[in-house]
Amino acid sequence: MTPRLVPAAEQLLRQLEGRKFKATPGEPDGLNRIRSVTFDAATSRWLLPILDAIGDPRIASLRHGSKSRLTVTWVPDYRADFRTYYPLDEVDEVLND
């Protein structure tokens, strides 16, 4: 069985399509699900404050680690299976206007 991103992570990456970004998936867990994604430094600069402000319950942690890269980790329960829309543009507009 091939490891797969959790649906909540797929949703975030789908919403970022059309923007310039690099994302690296983390290691699969015991259920062969990938629950973390690390973004490049440029993407991390603008994405971290937006995701922090959203406070989505599907996200377990936002870690701004080495080389200023953001690692988003999703929860290890059923909430990570929801493909609910992330209000990225709306929160960005509030934070940066």
PDB file of N, CA and C in Angstrom:
ATOM      1  N   MET A   1       0.846  -1.185   0.000  1.00  0.00           N
ATOM      2  CA  MET A   1       0.000   0.000   0.000  1.00  0.00           C
ATOM      3  C   MET A   1       0.891   1.249   0.000  1.00  0.00           C
ATOM      4  N   THR A   2       0.633   2.150  -0.913  1.00  0.00           N
ATOM      5  CA  THR A   2       1.409   3.376  -1.042  1.00  0.00           C
ATOM      6  C   THR A   2       0.975   4.389   0.011  1.00  0.00           C
ATOM      7  N   PRO A   3       1.926   5.039   0.693  1.00  0.00           N
ATOM      8  CA  PRO A   3       1.554   6.077   1.662  1.00  0.00           C
ATOM      9  C   PRO A   3       0.810   7.215   0.975  1.00  0.00           C
ATOM     10  N   ARG A   4      -0.194   7.760   1.660  1.00  0.00           N
ATOM     11  CA  ARG A   4      -0.983   8.864   1.098  1.00  0.00           C
ATOM     12  C   ARG A   4      -1.103  10.000   2.089  1.00  0.00           C
ATOM     13  N   LEU A   5      -1.147  11.200   1.552  1.00  0.00           N
ATOM     14  CA  LEU A   5      -1.426  12.368   2.384  1.00  0.00           C
ATOM     15  C   LEU A   5      -2.836  12.274   2.939  1.00  0.00           C
ATOM     16  N   VAL A   6      -3.023  12.780   4.148  1.00  0.00           N
ATOM     17  CA  VAL A   6      -4.375  12.848   4.682  1.00  0.00           C
ATOM     18  C   VAL A   6      -5.167  13.856   3.844  1.00  0.00           C
ATOM     19  N   PRO A   7      -6.477  13.685   3.704  1.00  0.00           N
ATOM     20  CA  PRO A   7      -7.284  14.581   2.874  1.00  0.00           C
ATOM     21  C   PRO A   7      -7.168  16.065   3.247  1.00  0.00           C
ATOM     22  N   ALA A   8      -7.023  16.386   4.530  1.00  0.00           N
ATOM     23  CA  ALA A   8      -6.891  17.787   4.925  1.00  0.00           C
ATOM     24  C   ALA A   8      -5.614  18.401   4.345  1.00  0.00           C
ATOM     25  N   ALA A   9      -4.542  17.618   4.265  1.00  0.00           N
ATOM     26  CA  ALA A   9      -3.294  18.092   3.664  1.00  0.00           C
ATOM     27  C   ALA A   9      -3.452  18.239   2.156  1.00  0.00           C
ATOM     28  N   GLU A  10      -4.125  17.281   1.530  1.00  0.00           N
ATOM     29  CA  GLU A  10      -4.386  17.376   0.091  1.00  0.00           C
ATOM     30  C   GLU A  10      -5.176  18.632  -0.228  1.00  0.00           C
ATOM     31  N   GLN A  11      -6.143  18.964   0.628  1.00  0.00           N
ATOM     32  CA  GLN A  11      -6.967  20.160   0.418  1.00  0.00           C
ATOM     33  C   GLN A  11      -6.110  21.419   0.453  1.00  0.00           C
ATOM     34  N   LEU A  12      -5.227  21.523   1.438  1.00  0.00           N
ATOM     35  CA  LEU A  12      -4.363  22.697   1.527  1.00  0.00           C
ATOM     36  C   LEU A  12      -3.487  22.816   0.288  1.00  0.00           C
ATOM     37  N   LEU A  13      -2.877  21.713  -0.127  1.00  0.00           N
ATOM     38  CA  LEU A  13      -2.010  21.760  -1.311  1.00  0.00           C
ATOM     39  C   LEU A  13      -2.803  22.098  -2.568  1.00  0.00           C
ATOM     40  N   ARG A  14      -4.013  21.596  -2.661  1.00  0.00           N
ATOM     41  CA  ARG A  14      -4.867  21.907  -3.815  1.00  0.00           C
ATOM     42  C   ARG A  14      -5.163  23.409  -3.861  1.00  0.00           C
ATOM     43  N   GLN A  15      -5.416  23.997  -2.713  1.00  0.00           N
ATOM     44  CA  GLN A  15      -5.703  25.433  -2.673  1.00  0.00           C
ATOM     45  C   GLN A  15      -4.475  26.280  -2.994  1.00  0.00           C
ATOM     46  N   LEU A  16      -3.291  25.736  -2.815  1.00  0.00           N
ATOM     47  CA  LEU A  16      -2.070  26.478  -3.121  1.00  0.00           C
ATOM     48  C   LEU A  16      -1.671  26.372  -4.585  1.00  0.00           C
ATOM     49  N   GLU A  17      -2.335  25.500  -5.348  1.00  0.00           N
ATOM     50  CA  GLU A  17      -2.024  25.359  -6.767  1.00  0.00           C
ATOM     51  C   GLU A  17      -2.168  26.707  -7.454  1.00  0.00           C
ATOM     52  N   GLY A  18      -1.280  26.974  -8.374  1.00  0.00           N
ATOM     53  CA  GLY A  18      -1.300  28.248  -9.076  1.00  0.00           C
ATOM     54  C   GLY A  18      -0.391  29.277  -8.420  1.00  0.00           C
ATOM     55  N   ARG A  19       0.071  28.985  -7.224  1.00  0.00           N
ATOM     56  CA  ARG A  19       1.038  29.851  -6.540  1.00  0.00           C
ATOM     57  C   ARG A  19       2.391  29.151  -6.603  1.00  0.00           C
ATOM     58  N   LYS A  20       3.429  29.928  -6.485  1.00  0.00           N
ATOM     59  CA  LYS A  20       4.765  29.341  -6.490  1.00  0.00           C
ATOM     60  C   LYS A  20       5.068  28.850  -5.068  1.00  0.00           C
ATOM     61  N   PHE A  21       5.236  27.535  -4.914  1.00  0.00           N
ATOM     62  CA  PHE A  21       5.577  26.969  -3.616  1.00  0.00           C
ATOM     63  C   PHE A  21       6.223  25.611  -3.805  1.00  0.00           C
ATOM     64  N   LYS A  22       6.966  25.202  -2.791  1.00  0.00           N
ATOM     65  CA  LYS A  22       7.543  23.865  -2.754  1.00  0.00           C
ATOM     66  C   LYS A  22       7.108  23.236  -1.451  1.00  0.00           C
ATOM     67  N   ALA A  23       6.658  21.988  -1.533  1.00  0.00           N
ATOM     68  CA  ALA A  23       6.218  21.267  -0.347  1.00  0.00           C
ATOM     69  C   ALA A  23       6.821  19.875  -0.363  1.00  0.00           C
ATOM     70  N   THR A  24       7.285  19.446   0.803  1.00  0.00           N
ATOM     71  CA  THR A  24       7.866  18.123   0.950  1.00  0.00           C
ATOM     72  C   THR A  24       7.045  17.346   1.969  1.00  0.00           C
ATOM     73  N   PRO A  25       6.474  16.217   1.559  1.00  0.00           N
ATOM     74  CA  PRO A  25       5.696  15.432   2.515  1.00  0.00           C
ATOM     75  C   PRO A  25       6.599  14.772   3.552  1.00  0.00           C
ATOM     76  N   GLY A  26       6.032  14.576   4.753  1.00  0.00           N
ATOM     77  CA  GLY A  26       6.765  13.914   5.819  1.00  0.00           C
ATOM     78  C   GLY A  26       6.712  12.405   5.669  1.00  0.00           C
ATOM     79  N   GLU A  27       7.127  11.715   6.701  1.00  0.00           N
ATOM     80  CA  GLU A  27       7.139  10.258   6.711  1.00  0.00           C
ATOM     81  C   GLU A  27       5.757   9.720   7.056  1.00  0.00           C
ATOM     82  N   PRO A  28       5.378   8.567   6.510  1.00  0.00           N
ATOM     83  CA  PRO A  28       4.083   7.982   6.841  1.00  0.00           C
ATOM     84  C   PRO A  28       4.048   7.480   8.288  1.00  0.00           C
ATOM     85  N   ASP A  29       2.846   7.519   8.863  1.00  0.00           N
ATOM     86  CA  ASP A  29       2.669   7.001  10.218  1.00  0.00           C
ATOM     87  C   ASP A  29       2.398   5.498  10.162  1.00  0.00           C
ATOM     88  N   GLY A  30       1.986   4.906  11.276  1.00  0.00           N
ATOM     89  CA  GLY A  30       1.736   3.479  11.344  1.00  0.00           C
ATOM     90  C   GLY A  30       0.573   3.014  10.484  1.00  0.00           C
ATOM     91  N   LEU A  31      -0.288   3.953  10.062  1.00  0.00           N
ATOM     92  CA  LEU A  31      -1.421   3.627   9.204  1.00  0.00           C
ATOM     93  C   LEU A  31      -1.122   3.917   7.734  1.00  0.00           C
ATOM     94  N   ASN A  32       0.156   4.224   7.449  1.00  0.00           N
ATOM     95  CA  ASN A  32       0.601   4.544   6.091  1.00  0.00           C
ATOM     96  C   ASN A  32      -0.016   5.838   5.571  1.00  0.00           C
ATOM     97  N   ARG A  33      -0.302   6.745   6.495  1.00  0.00           N
ATOM     98  CA  ARG A  33      -0.837   8.061   6.154  1.00  0.00           C
ATOM     99  C   ARG A  33       0.234   9.111   6.416  1.00  0.00           C
ATOM    100  N   ILE A  34       0.385  10.050   5.522  1.00  0.00           N
ATOM    101  CA  ILE A  34       1.341  11.146   5.689  1.00  0.00           C
ATOM    102  C   ILE A  34       0.593  12.306   6.320  1.00  0.00           C
ATOM    103  N   ARG A  35       1.032  12.708   7.511  1.00  0.00           N
ATOM    104  CA  ARG A  35       0.326  13.727   8.284  1.00  0.00           C
ATOM    105  C   ARG A  35       1.090  15.041   8.411  1.00  0.00           C
ATOM    106  N   SER A  36       2.207  15.185   7.715  1.00  0.00           N
ATOM    107  CA  SER A  36       2.939  16.454   7.792  1.00  0.00           C
ATOM    108  C   SER A  36       3.493  16.831   6.426  1.00  0.00           C
ATOM    109  N   VAL A  37       3.612  18.133   6.238  1.00  0.00           N
ATOM    110  CA  VAL A  37       4.174  18.699   5.005  1.00  0.00           C
ATOM    111  C   VAL A  37       5.064  19.862   5.415  1.00  0.00           C
ATOM    112  N   THR A  38       6.251  19.933   4.839  1.00  0.00           N
ATOM    113  CA  THR A  38       7.175  21.038   5.090  1.00  0.00           C
ATOM    114  C   THR A  38       7.240  21.904   3.841  1.00  0.00           C
ATOM    115  N   PHE A  39       7.098  23.214   4.043  1.00  0.00           N
ATOM    116  CA  PHE A  39       7.097  24.182   2.943  1.00  0.00           C
ATOM    117  C   PHE A  39       8.425  24.916   2.879  1.00  0.00           C
ATOM    118  N   ASP A  40       8.763  25.405   1.691  1.00  0.00           N
ATOM    119  CA  ASP A  40       9.986  26.191   1.501  1.00  0.00           C
ATOM    120  C   ASP A  40       9.890  27.488   2.302  1.00  0.00           C
ATOM    121  N   ALA A  41      11.030  28.133   2.502  1.00  0.00           N
ATOM    122  CA  ALA A  41      11.110  29.330   3.351  1.00  0.00           C
ATOM    123  C   ALA A  41      10.240  30.472   2.828  1.00  0.00           C
ATOM    124  N   ALA A  42      10.240  30.698   1.531  1.00  0.00           N
ATOM    125  CA  ALA A  42       9.453  31.812   0.969  1.00  0.00           C
ATOM    126  C   ALA A  42       7.962  31.598   1.215  1.00  0.00           C
ATOM    127  N   THR A  43       7.475  30.401   0.999  1.00  0.00           N
ATOM    128  CA  THR A  43       6.063  30.100   1.238  1.00  0.00           C
ATOM    129  C   THR A  43       5.762  30.175   2.731  1.00  0.00           C
ATOM    130  N   SER A  44       6.679  29.678   3.544  1.00  0.00           N
ATOM    131  CA  SER A  44       6.485  29.658   4.995  1.00  0.00           C
ATOM    132  C   SER A  44       6.281  31.055   5.561  1.00  0.00           C
ATOM    133  N   ARG A  45       6.979  32.047   4.995  1.00  0.00           N
ATOM    134  CA  ARG A  45       6.879  33.429   5.492  1.00  0.00           C
ATOM    135  C   ARG A  45       5.453  33.956   5.447  1.00  0.00           C
ATOM    136  N   TRP A  46       4.733  33.685   4.369  1.00  0.00           N
ATOM    137  CA  TRP A  46       3.373  34.211   4.271  1.00  0.00           C
ATOM    138  C   TRP A  46       2.317  33.208   4.748  1.00  0.00           C
ATOM    139  N   LEU A  47       2.615  31.911   4.680  1.00  0.00           N
ATOM    140  CA  LEU A  47       1.620  30.904   5.050  1.00  0.00           C
ATOM    141  C   LEU A  47       1.475  30.729   6.557  1.00  0.00           C
ATOM    142  N   LEU A  48       2.573  30.817   7.303  1.00  0.00           N
ATOM    143  CA  LEU A  48       2.516  30.620   8.756  1.00  0.00           C
ATOM    144  C   LEU A  48       1.538  31.557   9.447  1.00  0.00           C
ATOM    145  N   PRO A  49       1.618  32.878   9.239  1.00  0.00           N
ATOM    146  CA  PRO A  49       0.669  33.747   9.947  1.00  0.00           C
ATOM    147  C   PRO A  49      -0.787  33.491   9.557  1.00  0.00           C
ATOM    148  N   ILE A  50      -1.015  33.091   8.323  1.00  0.00           N
ATOM    149  CA  ILE A  50      -2.380  32.820   7.874  1.00  0.00           C
ATOM    150  C   ILE A  50      -2.926  31.570   8.559  1.00  0.00           C
ATOM    151  N   LEU A  51      -2.162  30.479   8.525  1.00  0.00           N
ATOM    152  CA  LEU A  51      -2.626  29.247   9.169  1.00  0.00           C
ATOM    153  C   LEU A  51      -2.744  29.423  10.681  1.00  0.00           C
ATOM    154  N   ASP A  52      -1.839  30.199  11.263  1.00  0.00           N
ATOM    155  CA  ASP A  52      -1.912  30.466  12.699  1.00  0.00           C
ATOM    156  C   ASP A  52      -3.203  31.213  13.041  1.00  0.00           C
ATOM    157  N   ALA A  53      -3.562  32.187  12.234  1.00  0.00           N
ATOM    158  CA  ALA A  53      -4.784  32.963  12.471  1.00  0.00           C
ATOM    159  C   ALA A  53      -6.040  32.125  12.258  1.00  0.00           C
ATOM    160  N   ILE A  54      -5.997  31.203  11.305  1.00  0.00           N
ATOM    161  CA  ILE A  54      -7.155  30.354  11.032  1.00  0.00           C
ATOM    162  C   ILE A  54      -7.437  29.453  12.230  1.00  0.00           C
ATOM    163  N   GLY A  55      -6.408  28.894  12.834  1.00  0.00           N
ATOM    164  CA  GLY A  55      -6.592  28.019  13.990  1.00  0.00           C
ATOM    165  C   GLY A  55      -7.436  26.786  13.676  1.00  0.00           C
ATOM    166  N   ASP A  56      -7.213  26.185  12.538  1.00  0.00           N
ATOM    167  CA  ASP A  56      -8.014  25.043  12.091  1.00  0.00           C
ATOM    168  C   ASP A  56      -7.820  23.834  13.008  1.00  0.00           C
ATOM    169  N   PRO A  57      -8.915  23.213  13.476  1.00  0.00           N
ATOM    170  CA  PRO A  57      -8.794  22.068  14.391  1.00  0.00           C
ATOM    171  C   PRO A  57      -8.224  20.807  13.743  1.00  0.00           C
ATOM    172  N   ARG A  58      -8.093  20.800  12.432  1.00  0.00           N
ATOM    173  CA  ARG A  58      -7.481  19.654  11.754  1.00  0.00           C
ATOM    174  C   ARG A  58      -5.963  19.687  11.854  1.00  0.00           C
ATOM    175  N   ILE A  59      -5.417  20.853  12.190  1.00  0.00           N
ATOM    176  CA  ILE A  59      -3.963  21.022  12.266  1.00  0.00           C
ATOM    177  C   ILE A  59      -3.516  20.845  13.711  1.00  0.00           C
ATOM    178  N   ALA A  60      -2.613  19.887  13.919  1.00  0.00           N
ATOM    179  CA  ALA A  60      -2.095  19.615  15.261  1.00  0.00           C
ATOM    180  C   ALA A  60      -1.003  20.605  15.641  1.00  0.00           C
ATOM    181  N   SER A  61      -0.140  20.958  14.670  1.00  0.00           N
ATOM    182  CA  SER A  61       0.938  21.889  14.995  1.00  0.00           C
ATOM    183  C   SER A  61       1.460  22.596  13.749  1.00  0.00           C
ATOM    184  N   LEU A  62       1.992  23.787  14.009  1.00  0.00           N
ATOM    185  CA  LEU A  62       2.683  24.591  13.007  1.00  0.00           C
ATOM    186  C   LEU A  62       4.077  24.821  13.583  1.00  0.00           C
ATOM    187  N   ARG A  63       5.077  24.221  12.984  1.00  0.00           N
ATOM    188  CA  ARG A  63       6.437  24.351  13.499  1.00  0.00           C
ATOM    189  C   ARG A  63       7.291  25.087  12.486  1.00  0.00           C
ATOM    190  N   HIS A  64       7.838  26.220  12.912  1.00  0.00           N
ATOM    191  CA  HIS A  64       8.721  27.019  12.074  1.00  0.00           C
ATOM    192  C   HIS A  64      10.130  26.603  12.438  1.00  0.00           C
ATOM    193  N   GLY A  65      10.695  25.687  11.678  1.00  0.00           N
ATOM    194  CA  GLY A  65      11.948  25.050  12.059  1.00  0.00           C
ATOM    195  C   GLY A  65      13.155  25.540  11.312  1.00  0.00           C
ATOM    196  N   SER A  66      14.024  24.598  11.029  1.00  0.00           N
ATOM    197  CA  SER A  66      15.313  24.900  10.416  1.00  0.00           C
ATOM    198  C   SER A  66      15.155  25.580   9.065  1.00  0.00           C
ATOM    199  N   LYS A  67      16.060  26.497   8.813  1.00  0.00           N
ATOM    200  CA  LYS A  67      16.084  27.259   7.557  1.00  0.00           C
ATOM    201  C   LYS A  67      14.757  27.962   7.291  1.00  0.00           C
ATOM    202  N   SER A  68      14.064  28.354   8.372  1.00  0.00           N
ATOM    203  CA  SER A  68      12.800  29.117   8.293  1.00  0.00           C
ATOM    204  C   SER A  68      11.718  28.391   7.509  1.00  0.00           C
ATOM    205  N   ARG A  69      11.719  27.075   7.572  1.00  0.00           N
ATOM    206  CA  ARG A  69      10.702  26.295   6.866  1.00  0.00           C
ATOM    207  C   ARG A  69       9.589  25.890   7.833  1.00  0.00           C
ATOM    208  N   LEU A  70       8.376  26.020   7.362  1.00  0.00           N
ATOM    209  CA  LEU A  70       7.194  25.673   8.131  1.00  0.00           C
ATOM    210  C   LEU A  70       6.836  24.210   7.915  1.00  0.00           C
ATOM    211  N   THR A  71       6.618  23.484   9.009  1.00  0.00           N
ATOM    212  CA  THR A  71       6.095  22.130   8.927  1.00  0.00           C
ATOM    213  C   THR A  71       4.697  22.132   9.531  1.00  0.00           C
ATOM    214  N   VAL A  72       3.730  21.750   8.724  1.00  0.00           N
ATOM    215  CA  VAL A  72       2.342  21.642   9.170  1.00  0.00           C
ATOM    216  C   VAL A  72       2.080  20.165   9.446  1.00  0.00           C
ATOM    217  N   THR A  73       1.566  19.885  10.643  1.00  0.00           N
ATOM    218  CA  THR A  73       1.232  18.510  11.019  1.00  0.00           C
ATOM    219  C   THR A  73      -0.253  18.445  11.337  1.00  0.00           C
ATOM    220  N   TRP A  74      -0.918  17.484  10.721  1.00  0.00           N
ATOM    221  CA  TRP A  74      -2.359  17.310  10.929  1.00  0.00           C
ATOM    222  C   TRP A  74      -2.614  16.319  12.049  1.00  0.00           C
ATOM    223  N   VAL A  75      -3.780  16.419  12.649  1.00  0.00           N
ATOM    224  CA  VAL A  75      -4.161  15.594  13.799  1.00  0.00           C
ATOM    225  C   VAL A  75      -4.203  14.108  13.425  1.00  0.00           C
ATOM    226  N   PRO A  76      -3.999  13.235  14.421  1.00  0.00           N
ATOM    227  CA  PRO A  76      -4.002  11.797  14.145  1.00  0.00           C
ATOM    228  C   PRO A  76      -5.383  11.153  14.302  1.00  0.00           C
ATOM    229  N   ASP A  77      -6.425  11.907  14.019  1.00  0.00           N
ATOM    230  CA  ASP A  77      -7.765  11.339  14.146  1.00  0.00           C
ATOM    231  C   ASP A  77      -8.611  11.664  12.915  1.00  0.00           C
ATOM    232  N   TYR A  78      -9.888  11.381  12.994  1.00  0.00           N
ATOM    233  CA  TYR A  78     -10.814  11.500  11.860  1.00  0.00           C
ATOM    234  C   TYR A  78     -10.903  12.910  11.277  1.00  0.00           C
ATOM    235  N   ARG A  79     -10.575  13.939  12.054  1.00  0.00           N
ATOM    236  CA  ARG A  79     -10.672  15.315  11.542  1.00  0.00           C
ATOM    237  C   ARG A  79      -9.748  15.546  10.349  1.00  0.00           C
ATOM    238  N   ALA A  80      -8.642  14.809  10.278  1.00  0.00           N
ATOM    239  CA  ALA A  80      -7.708  14.945   9.151  1.00  0.00           C
ATOM    240  C   ALA A  80      -8.304  14.404   7.853  1.00  0.00           C
ATOM    241  N   ASP A  81      -9.458  13.737   7.938  1.00  0.00           N
ATOM    242  CA  ASP A  81     -10.118  13.204   6.749  1.00  0.00           C
ATOM    243  C   ASP A  81     -11.057  14.211   6.089  1.00  0.00           C
ATOM    244  N   PHE A  82     -11.250  15.367   6.707  1.00  0.00           N
ATOM    245  CA  PHE A  82     -12.153  16.378   6.158  1.00  0.00           C
ATOM    246  C   PHE A  82     -11.423  17.274   5.166  1.00  0.00           C
ATOM    247  N   ARG A  83     -12.055  17.490   4.027  1.00  0.00           N
ATOM    248  CA  ARG A  83     -11.492  18.355   2.977  1.00  0.00           C
ATOM    249  C   ARG A  83     -12.116  19.758   3.018  1.00  0.00           C
ATOM    250  N   THR A  84     -12.412  20.219   4.186  1.00  0.00           N
ATOM    251  CA  THR A  84     -13.010  21.535   4.348  1.00  0.00           C
ATOM    252  C   THR A  84     -12.061  22.613   3.814  1.00  0.00           C
ATOM    253  N   TYR A  85     -12.645  23.601   3.165  1.00  0.00           N
ATOM    254  CA  TYR A  85     -11.920  24.733   2.583  1.00  0.00           C
ATOM    255  C   TYR A  85     -11.164  25.507   3.668  1.00  0.00           C
ATOM    256  N   TYR A  86      -9.912  25.850   3.401  1.00  0.00           N
ATOM    257  CA  TYR A  86      -9.127  26.725   4.275  1.00  0.00           C
ATOM    258  C   TYR A  86      -9.326  28.164   3.774  1.00  0.00           C
ATOM    259  N   PRO A  87      -9.758  29.093   4.611  1.00  0.00           N
ATOM    260  CA  PRO A  87      -9.992  30.466   4.154  1.00  0.00           C
ATOM    261  C   PRO A  87      -8.695  31.278   4.026  1.00  0.00           C
ATOM    262  N   LEU A  88      -7.783  30.804   3.202  1.00  0.00           N
ATOM    263  CA  LEU A  88      -6.467  31.433   3.069  1.00  0.00           C
ATOM    264  C   LEU A  88      -6.547  32.863   2.544  1.00  0.00           C
ATOM    265  N   ASP A  89      -7.274  33.053   1.449  1.00  0.00           N
ATOM    266  CA  ASP A  89      -7.340  34.390   0.841  1.00  0.00           C
ATOM    267  C   ASP A  89      -8.058  35.378   1.745  1.00  0.00           C
ATOM    268  N   GLU A  90      -9.122  34.920   2.375  1.00  0.00           N
ATOM    269  CA  GLU A  90      -9.890  35.807   3.251  1.00  0.00           C
ATOM    270  C   GLU A  90      -9.047  36.263   4.456  1.00  0.00           C
ATOM    271  N   VAL A  91      -8.347  35.337   5.071  1.00  0.00           N
ATOM    272  CA  VAL A  91      -7.512  35.688   6.235  1.00  0.00           C
ATOM    273  C   VAL A  91      -6.321  36.536   5.785  1.00  0.00           C
ATOM    274  N   ASP A  92      -5.745  36.222   4.634  1.00  0.00           N
ATOM    275  CA  ASP A  92      -4.636  37.026   4.115  1.00  0.00           C
ATOM    276  C   ASP A  92      -5.080  38.462   3.909  1.00  0.00           C
ATOM    277  N   GLU A  93      -6.272  38.644   3.381  1.00  0.00           N
ATOM    278  CA  GLU A  93      -6.787  39.995   3.152  1.00  0.00           C
ATOM    279  C   GLU A  93      -6.942  40.759   4.465  1.00  0.00           C
ATOM    280  N   VAL A  94      -7.424  40.094   5.498  1.00  0.00           N
ATOM    281  CA  VAL A  94      -7.595  40.745   6.804  1.00  0.00           C
ATOM    282  C   VAL A  94      -6.236  41.084   7.410  1.00  0.00           C
ATOM    283  N   LEU A  95      -5.303  40.150   7.341  1.00  0.00           N
ATOM    284  CA  LEU A  95      -3.998  40.359   7.958  1.00  0.00           C
ATOM    285  C   LEU A  95      -3.138  41.375   7.222  1.00  0.00           C
ATOM    286  N   ASN A  96      -3.285  41.472   5.924  1.00  0.00           N
ATOM    287  CA  ASN A  96      -2.360  42.280   5.131  1.00  0.00           C
ATOM    288  C   ASN A  96      -2.966  43.483   4.440  1.00  0.00           C
ATOM    289  N   ASP A  97      -4.129  43.899   4.870  1.00  0.00           N
ATOM    290  CA  ASP A  97      -4.716  45.123   4.293  1.00  0.00           C
ATOM    291  C   ASP A  97      -4.557  46.298   5.218  1.00  0.00           C
TER     292      ASP A  97
END
